[in-house]
Amino acid sequence: INTRSKFSFFCWRKGSGEHYELQIKMNKYNLIAIINVLEVILILGIITLAGIFRNWWLLLLLFVIGSAESEKRLLNQK
C-alpha cells in the first residue's frame, strides 16, 4: 500500500508539469524500488514457468539476467 501511494503521488505530481524535473529527482529512489519489485515478480514468474514446463533454458536465461543485473548494479555504485 505504501509503495502504491508513493507511485500514485508521483503520477499525480507528474501531471502538474512545472514540478516535473524536481519530482523526477525526488522520486528517483522510489522508481528504482518499484523497478526492483517488478524484477522480482518477473524472476519468480520465470522460475514458476521453468518449474511447470521443465524448461532449463528459462533457468539459464534467468541466470544470464541475474548476472547482467548484478553487473549493472556494480557499475552504478562506482
PDB file of N, CA and C in Angstrom:
ATOM      1  N   ILE A   1       0.848  -1.206   0.000  1.00  0.00           N
ATOM      2  CA  ILE A   1       0.000   0.000   0.000  1.00  0.00           C
ATOM      3  C   ILE A   1       0.880   1.253   0.000  1.00  0.00           C
ATOM      4  N   ASN A   2       1.968   1.217   0.784  1.00  0.00           N
ATOM      5  CA  ASN A   2       2.874   2.361   0.888  1.00  0.00           C
ATOM      6  C   ASN A   2       3.527   2.685  -0.461  1.00  0.00           C
ATOM      7  N   THR A   3       4.018   1.649  -1.143  1.00  0.00           N
ATOM      8  CA  THR A   3       4.657   1.831  -2.449  1.00  0.00           C
ATOM      9  C   THR A   3       3.656   2.371  -3.464  1.00  0.00           C
ATOM     10  N   ARG A   4       2.430   1.835  -3.414  1.00  0.00           N
ATOM     11  CA  ARG A   4       1.399   2.251  -4.356  1.00  0.00           C
ATOM     12  C   ARG A   4       1.058   3.732  -4.171  1.00  0.00           C
ATOM     13  N   SER A   5       0.954   4.176  -2.923  1.00  0.00           N
ATOM     14  CA  SER A   5       0.630   5.578  -2.653  1.00  0.00           C
ATOM     15  C   SER A   5       1.754   6.501  -3.128  1.00  0.00           C
ATOM     16  N   LYS A   6       3.000   6.068  -2.945  1.00  0.00           N
ATOM     17  CA  LYS A   6       4.140   6.846  -3.437  1.00  0.00           C
ATOM     18  C   LYS A   6       4.093   6.944  -4.964  1.00  0.00           C
ATOM     19  N   PHE A   7       3.760   5.830  -5.601  1.00  0.00           N
ATOM     20  CA  PHE A   7       3.731   5.793  -7.060  1.00  0.00           C
ATOM     21  C   PHE A   7       2.601   6.657  -7.611  1.00  0.00           C
ATOM     22  N   SER A   8       1.423   6.585  -6.995  1.00  0.00           N
ATOM     23  CA  SER A   8       0.293   7.400  -7.443  1.00  0.00           C
ATOM     24  C   SER A   8       0.586   8.887  -7.201  1.00  0.00           C
ATOM     25  N   PHE A   9       1.260   9.183  -6.086  1.00  0.00           N
ATOM     26  CA  PHE A   9       1.676  10.553  -5.783  1.00  0.00           C
ATOM     27  C   PHE A   9       2.611  11.061  -6.877  1.00  0.00           C
ATOM     28  N   PHE A  10       3.533  10.206  -7.295  1.00  0.00           N
ATOM     29  CA  PHE A  10       4.474  10.554  -8.356  1.00  0.00           C
ATOM     30  C   PHE A  10       3.729  10.842  -9.656  1.00  0.00           C
ATOM     31  N   CYS A  11       2.765   9.969 -10.009  1.00  0.00           N
ATOM     32  CA  CYS A  11       1.985  10.146 -11.242  1.00  0.00           C
ATOM     33  C   CYS A  11       1.176  11.440 -11.191  1.00  0.00           C
ATOM     34  N   TRP A  12       0.595  11.721 -10.022  1.00  0.00           N
ATOM     35  CA  TRP A  12      -0.222  12.916  -9.844  1.00  0.00           C
ATOM     36  C   TRP A  12       0.634  14.178  -9.995  1.00  0.00           C
ATOM     37  N   ARG A  13       1.813  14.177  -9.406  1.00  0.00           N
ATOM     38  CA  ARG A  13       2.694  15.335  -9.482  1.00  0.00           C
ATOM     39  C   ARG A  13       3.250  15.516 -10.896  1.00  0.00           C
ATOM     40  N   LYS A  14       3.447  14.405 -11.586  1.00  0.00           N
ATOM     41  CA  LYS A  14       3.989  14.440 -12.943  1.00  0.00           C
ATOM     42  C   LYS A  14       3.056  15.234 -13.863  1.00  0.00           C
ATOM     43  N   GLY A  15       1.754  15.156 -13.609  1.00  0.00           N
ATOM     44  CA  GLY A  15       0.765  15.854 -14.426  1.00  0.00           C
ATOM     45  C   GLY A  15       0.828  17.370 -14.300  1.00  0.00           C
ATOM     46  N   SER A  16       1.390  17.883 -13.200  1.00  0.00           N
ATOM     47  CA  SER A  16       1.408  19.327 -12.964  1.00  0.00           C
ATOM     48  C   SER A  16       2.478  20.050 -13.796  1.00  0.00           C
ATOM     49  N   GLY A  17       3.398  19.297 -14.397  1.00  0.00           N
ATOM     50  CA  GLY A  17       4.331  19.870 -15.369  1.00  0.00           C
ATOM     51  C   GLY A  17       5.483  20.669 -14.773  1.00  0.00           C
ATOM     52  N   GLU A  18       5.181  21.744 -14.052  1.00  0.00           N
ATOM     53  CA  GLU A  18       6.228  22.653 -13.569  1.00  0.00           C
ATOM     54  C   GLU A  18       7.158  21.993 -12.556  1.00  0.00           C
ATOM     55  N   HIS A  19       6.626  21.031 -11.788  1.00  0.00           N
ATOM     56  CA  HIS A  19       7.441  20.336 -10.785  1.00  0.00           C
ATOM     57  C   HIS A  19       8.039  19.040 -11.336  1.00  0.00           C
ATOM     58  N   TYR A  20       7.914  18.860 -12.644  1.00  0.00           N
ATOM     59  CA  TYR A  20       8.303  17.598 -13.288  1.00  0.00           C
ATOM     60  C   TYR A  20       9.733  17.174 -12.966  1.00  0.00           C
ATOM     61  N   GLU A  21      10.702  18.047 -13.256  1.00  0.00           N
ATOM     62  CA  GLU A  21      12.110  17.686 -13.057  1.00  0.00           C
ATOM     63  C   GLU A  21      12.444  17.463 -11.586  1.00  0.00           C
ATOM     64  N   LEU A  22      11.977  18.356 -10.731  1.00  0.00           N
ATOM     65  CA  LEU A  22      12.198  18.241  -9.290  1.00  0.00           C
ATOM     66  C   LEU A  22      11.633  16.923  -8.767  1.00  0.00           C
ATOM     67  N   GLN A  23      10.427  16.581  -9.249  1.00  0.00           N
ATOM     68  CA  GLN A  23       9.764  15.375  -8.786  1.00  0.00           C
ATOM     69  C   GLN A  23      10.498  14.120  -9.258  1.00  0.00           C
ATOM     70  N   ILE A  24      11.031  14.161 -10.489  1.00  0.00           N
ATOM     71  CA  ILE A  24      11.833  13.042 -11.002  1.00  0.00           C
ATOM     72  C   ILE A  24      13.030  12.804 -10.073  1.00  0.00           C
ATOM     73  N   LYS A  25      13.717  13.898  -9.702  1.00  0.00           N
ATOM     74  CA  LYS A  25      14.888  13.783  -8.828  1.00  0.00           C
ATOM     75  C   LYS A  25      14.501  13.232  -7.459  1.00  0.00           C
ATOM     76  N   MET A  26      13.397  13.745  -6.901  1.00  0.00           N
ATOM     77  CA  MET A  26      12.965  13.316  -5.577  1.00  0.00           C
ATOM     78  C   MET A  26      12.510  11.859  -5.563  1.00  0.00           C
ATOM     79  N   ASN A  27      11.875  11.432  -6.656  1.00  0.00           N
ATOM     80  CA  ASN A  27      11.288  10.097  -6.683  1.00  0.00           C
ATOM     81  C   ASN A  27      12.148   9.067  -7.401  1.00  0.00           C
ATOM     82  N   LYS A  28      13.401   9.441  -7.675  1.00  0.00           N
ATOM     83  CA  LYS A  28      14.313   8.524  -8.361  1.00  0.00           C
ATOM     84  C   LYS A  28      14.430   7.199  -7.607  1.00  0.00           C
ATOM     85  N   TYR A  29      14.588   7.271  -6.289  1.00  0.00           N
ATOM     86  CA  TYR A  29      14.762   6.054  -5.493  1.00  0.00           C
ATOM     87  C   TYR A  29      13.457   5.275  -5.369  1.00  0.00           C
ATOM     88  N   ASN A  30      12.323   5.985  -5.356  1.00  0.00           N
ATOM     89  CA  ASN A  30      11.017   5.309  -5.362  1.00  0.00           C
ATOM     90  C   ASN A  30      10.852   4.493  -6.635  1.00  0.00           C
ATOM     91  N   LEU A  31      11.222   5.094  -7.772  1.00  0.00           N
ATOM     92  CA  LEU A  31      11.118   4.397  -9.057  1.00  0.00           C
ATOM     93  C   LEU A  31      12.040   3.187  -9.096  1.00  0.00           C
ATOM     94  N   ILE A  32      13.257   3.340  -8.581  1.00  0.00           N
ATOM     95  CA  ILE A  32      14.201   2.218  -8.519  1.00  0.00           C
ATOM     96  C   ILE A  32      13.611   1.083  -7.688  1.00  0.00           C
ATOM     97  N   ALA A  33      12.976   1.426  -6.559  1.00  0.00           N
ATOM     98  CA  ALA A  33      12.347   0.413  -5.702  1.00  0.00           C
ATOM     99  C   ALA A  33      11.228  -0.307  -6.437  1.00  0.00           C
ATOM    100  N   ILE A  34      10.399   0.452  -7.180  1.00  0.00           N
ATOM    101  CA  ILE A  34       9.299  -0.147  -7.948  1.00  0.00           C
ATOM    102  C   ILE A  34       9.853  -1.075  -9.025  1.00  0.00           C
ATOM    103  N   ILE A  35      10.907  -0.627  -9.736  1.00  0.00           N
ATOM    104  CA  ILE A  35      11.537  -1.455 -10.773  1.00  0.00           C
ATOM    105  C   ILE A  35      12.087  -2.744 -10.166  1.00  0.00           C
ATOM    106  N   ASN A  36      12.718  -2.642  -8.989  1.00  0.00           N
ATOM    107  CA  ASN A  36      13.242  -3.834  -8.308  1.00  0.00           C
ATOM    108  C   ASN A  36      12.134  -4.818  -7.968  1.00  0.00           C
ATOM    109  N   VAL A  37      10.986  -4.312  -7.498  1.00  0.00           N
ATOM    110  CA  VAL A  37       9.831  -5.168  -7.189  1.00  0.00           C
ATOM    111  C   VAL A  37       9.348  -5.871  -8.455  1.00  0.00           C
ATOM    112  N   LEU A  38       9.262  -5.121  -9.569  1.00  0.00           N
ATOM    113  CA  LEU A  38       8.833  -5.708 -10.844  1.00  0.00           C
ATOM    114  C   LEU A  38       9.810  -6.785 -11.304  1.00  0.00           C
ATOM    115  N   GLU A  39      11.114  -6.541 -11.110  1.00  0.00           N
ATOM    116  CA  GLU A  39      12.131  -7.536 -11.469  1.00  0.00           C
ATOM    117  C   GLU A  39      11.952  -8.820 -10.677  1.00  0.00           C
ATOM    118  N   VAL A  40      11.688  -8.687  -9.369  1.00  0.00           N
ATOM    119  CA  VAL A  40      11.478  -9.862  -8.514  1.00  0.00           C
ATOM    120  C   VAL A  40      10.265 -10.655  -8.987  1.00  0.00           C
ATOM    121  N   ILE A  41       9.164  -9.948  -9.316  1.00  0.00           N
ATOM    122  CA  ILE A  41       7.952 -10.611  -9.822  1.00  0.00           C
ATOM    123  C   ILE A  41       8.265 -11.351 -11.123  1.00  0.00           C
ATOM    124  N   LEU A  42       9.017 -10.696 -12.020  1.00  0.00           N
ATOM    125  CA  LEU A  42       9.407 -11.307 -13.293  1.00  0.00           C
ATOM    126  C   LEU A  42      10.237 -12.566 -13.072  1.00  0.00           C
ATOM    127  N   ILE A  43      11.222 -12.481 -12.188  1.00  0.00           N
ATOM    128  CA  ILE A  43      12.096 -13.620 -11.889  1.00  0.00           C
ATOM    129  C   ILE A  43      11.300 -14.778 -11.298  1.00  0.00           C
ATOM    130  N   LEU A  44      10.390 -14.481 -10.348  1.00  0.00           N
ATOM    131  CA  LEU A  44       9.545 -15.523  -9.759  1.00  0.00           C
ATOM    132  C   LEU A  44       8.655 -16.159 -10.823  1.00  0.00           C
ATOM    133  N   GLY A  45       8.152 -15.339 -11.748  1.00  0.00           N
ATOM    134  CA  GLY A  45       7.339 -15.841 -12.855  1.00  0.00           C
ATOM    135  C   GLY A  45       8.123 -16.793 -13.743  1.00  0.00           C
ATOM    136  N   ILE A  46       9.369 -16.439 -14.061  1.00  0.00           N
ATOM    137  CA  ILE A  46      10.233 -17.295 -14.885  1.00  0.00           C
ATOM    138  C   ILE A  46      10.520 -18.610 -14.168  1.00  0.00           C
ATOM    139  N   ILE A  47      10.804 -18.534 -12.855  1.00  0.00           N
ATOM    140  CA  ILE A  47      11.056 -19.757 -12.078  1.00  0.00           C
ATOM    141  C   ILE A  47       9.827 -20.664 -12.092  1.00  0.00           C
ATOM    142  N   THR A  48       8.639 -20.071 -11.924  1.00  0.00           N
ATOM    143  CA  THR A  48       7.388 -20.834 -11.936  1.00  0.00           C
ATOM    144  C   THR A  48       7.180 -21.503 -13.291  1.00  0.00           C
ATOM    145  N   LEU A  49       7.394 -20.741 -14.369  1.00  0.00           N
ATOM    146  CA  LEU A  49       7.252 -21.298 -15.725  1.00  0.00           C
ATOM    147  C   LEU A  49       8.246 -22.427 -15.962  1.00  0.00           C
ATOM    148  N   ALA A  50       9.480 -22.216 -15.502  1.00  0.00           N
ATOM    149  CA  ALA A  50      10.511 -23.250 -15.652  1.00  0.00           C
ATOM    150  C   ALA A  50      10.104 -24.521 -14.904  1.00  0.00           C
ATOM    151  N   GLY A  51       9.489 -24.349 -13.734  1.00  0.00           N
ATOM    152  CA  GLY A  51       9.015 -25.488 -12.953  1.00  0.00           C
ATOM    153  C   GLY A  51       7.875 -26.220 -13.644  1.00  0.00           C
ATOM    154  N   ILE A  52       6.962 -25.456 -14.252  1.00  0.00           N
ATOM    155  CA  ILE A  52       5.804 -26.062 -14.926  1.00  0.00           C
ATOM    156  C   ILE A  52       6.241 -26.802 -16.189  1.00  0.00           C
ATOM    157  N   PHE A  53       7.017 -26.145 -17.027  1.00  0.00           N
ATOM    158  CA  PHE A  53       7.358 -26.703 -18.344  1.00  0.00           C
ATOM    159  C   PHE A  53       8.668 -27.480 -18.357  1.00  0.00           C
ATOM    160  N   ARG A  54       9.386 -27.480 -17.206  1.00  0.00           N
ATOM    161  CA  ARG A  54      10.682 -28.154 -17.114  1.00  0.00           C
ATOM    162  C   ARG A  54      11.652 -27.654 -18.199  1.00  0.00           C
ATOM    163  N   ASN A  55      11.587 -26.360 -18.457  1.00  0.00           N
ATOM    164  CA  ASN A  55      12.479 -25.780 -19.468  1.00  0.00           C
ATOM    165  C   ASN A  55      13.726 -25.232 -18.789  1.00  0.00           C
ATOM    166  N   TRP A  56      14.841 -25.921 -18.983  1.00  0.00           N
ATOM    167  CA  TRP A  56      16.080 -25.491 -18.332  1.00  0.00           C
ATOM    168  C   TRP A  56      16.637 -24.224 -18.964  1.00  0.00           C
ATOM    169  N   TRP A  57      16.267 -23.971 -20.234  1.00  0.00           N
ATOM    170  CA  TRP A  57      16.768 -22.749 -20.880  1.00  0.00           C
ATOM    171  C   TRP A  57      16.196 -21.505 -20.213  1.00  0.00           C
ATOM    172  N   LEU A  58      14.996 -21.621 -19.602  1.00  0.00           N
ATOM    173  CA  LEU A  58      14.448 -20.485 -18.854  1.00  0.00           C
ATOM    174  C   LEU A  58      15.304 -20.173 -17.625  1.00  0.00           C
ATOM    175  N   LEU A  59      15.759 -21.235 -16.956  1.00  0.00           N
ATOM    176  CA  LEU A  59      16.637 -21.041 -15.797  1.00  0.00           C
ATOM    177  C   LEU A  59      17.976 -20.444 -16.228  1.00  0.00           C
ATOM    178  N   LEU A  60      18.458 -20.879 -17.386  1.00  0.00           N
ATOM    179  CA  LEU A  60      19.695 -20.324 -17.942  1.00  0.00           C
ATOM    180  C   LEU A  60      19.514 -18.839 -18.254  1.00  0.00           C
ATOM    181  N   LEU A  61      18.358 -18.518 -18.871  1.00  0.00           N
ATOM    182  CA  LEU A  61      18.018 -17.128 -19.172  1.00  0.00           C
ATOM    183  C   LEU A  61      17.964 -16.293 -17.895  1.00  0.00           C
ATOM    184  N   LEU A  62      17.353 -16.870 -16.858  1.00  0.00           N
ATOM    185  CA  LEU A  62      17.257 -16.210 -15.554  1.00  0.00           C
ATOM    186  C   LEU A  62      18.645 -15.923 -14.983  1.00  0.00           C
ATOM    187  N   PHE A  63      19.532 -16.907 -15.098  1.00  0.00           N
ATOM    188  CA  PHE A  63      20.904 -16.745 -14.620  1.00  0.00           C
ATOM    189  C   PHE A  63      21.612 -15.609 -15.365  1.00  0.00           C
ATOM    190  N   VAL A  64      21.415 -15.555 -16.679  1.00  0.00           N
ATOM    191  CA  VAL A  64      22.019 -14.501 -17.504  1.00  0.00           C
ATOM    192  C   VAL A  64      21.481 -13.128 -17.097  1.00  0.00           C
ATOM    193  N   ILE A  65      20.143 -13.045 -16.909  1.00  0.00           N
ATOM    194  CA  ILE A  65      19.523 -11.788 -16.478  1.00  0.00           C
ATOM    195  C   ILE A  65      20.071 -11.364 -15.114  1.00  0.00           C
ATOM    196  N   GLY A  66      20.175 -12.318 -14.189  1.00  0.00           N
ATOM    197  CA  GLY A  66      20.697 -12.047 -12.853  1.00  0.00           C
ATOM    198  C   GLY A  66      22.133 -11.542 -12.890  1.00  0.00           C
ATOM    199  N   SER A  67      22.953 -12.162 -13.738  1.00  0.00           N
ATOM    200  CA  SER A  67      24.354 -11.742 -13.879  1.00  0.00           C
ATOM    201  C   SER A  67      24.439 -10.327 -14.431  1.00  0.00           C
ATOM    202  N   ALA A  68      23.615 -10.049 -15.447  1.00  0.00           N
ATOM    203  CA  ALA A  68      23.597  -8.717 -16.056  1.00  0.00           C
ATOM    204  C   ALA A  68      23.153  -7.668 -15.040  1.00  0.00           C
ATOM    205  N   GLU A  69      22.144  -8.017 -14.233  1.00  0.00           N
ATOM    206  CA  GLU A  69      21.637  -7.094 -13.213  1.00  0.00           C
ATOM    207  C   GLU A  69      22.705  -6.768 -12.171  1.00  0.00           C
ATOM    208  N   SER A  70      23.397  -7.794 -11.670  1.00  0.00           N
ATOM    209  CA  SER A  70      24.413  -7.559 -10.640  1.00  0.00           C
ATOM    210  C   SER A  70      25.572  -6.736 -11.201  1.00  0.00           C
ATOM    211  N   GLU A  71      25.925  -6.976 -12.465  1.00  0.00           N
ATOM    212  CA  GLU A  71      26.974  -6.175 -13.108  1.00  0.00           C
ATOM    213  C   GLU A  71      26.534  -4.725 -13.237  1.00  0.00           C
ATOM    214  N   LYS A  72      25.270  -4.525 -13.640  1.00  0.00           N
ATOM    215  CA  LYS A  72      24.722  -3.185 -13.804  1.00  0.00           C
ATOM    216  C   LYS A  72      24.739  -2.434 -12.474  1.00  0.00           C
ATOM    217  N   ARG A  73      24.374  -3.135 -11.389  1.00  0.00           N
ATOM    218  CA  ARG A  73      24.353  -2.510 -10.063  1.00  0.00           C
ATOM    219  C   ARG A  73      25.763  -2.133  -9.619  1.00  0.00           C
ATOM    220  N   LEU A  74      26.737  -3.006  -9.904  1.00  0.00           N
ATOM    221  CA  LEU A  74      28.124  -2.709  -9.545  1.00  0.00           C
ATOM    222  C   LEU A  74      28.619  -1.477 -10.294  1.00  0.00           C
ATOM    223  N   LEU A  75      28.248  -1.375 -11.584  1.00  0.00           N
ATOM    224  CA  LEU A  75      28.638  -0.217 -12.385  1.00  0.00           C
ATOM    225  C   LEU A  75      27.988   1.058 -11.855  1.00  0.00           C
ATOM    226  N   ASN A  76      26.722   0.955 -11.423  1.00  0.00           N
ATOM    227  CA  ASN A  76      26.007   2.120 -10.901  1.00  0.00           C
ATOM    228  C   ASN A  76      26.597   2.620  -9.591  1.00  0.00           C
ATOM    229  N   GLN A  77      27.166   1.715  -8.792  1.00  0.00           N
ATOM    230  CA  GLN A  77      27.734   2.095  -7.498  1.00  0.00           C
ATOM    231  C   GLN A  77      29.033   2.887  -7.651  1.00  0.00           C
ATOM    232  N   LYS A  78      29.780   2.638  -8.738  1.00  0.00           N
ATOM    233  CA  LYS A  78      31.084   3.293  -8.919  1.00  0.00           C
ATOM    234  C   LYS A  78      30.949   4.783  -9.237  1.00  0.00           C
TER     235      LYS A  78
END
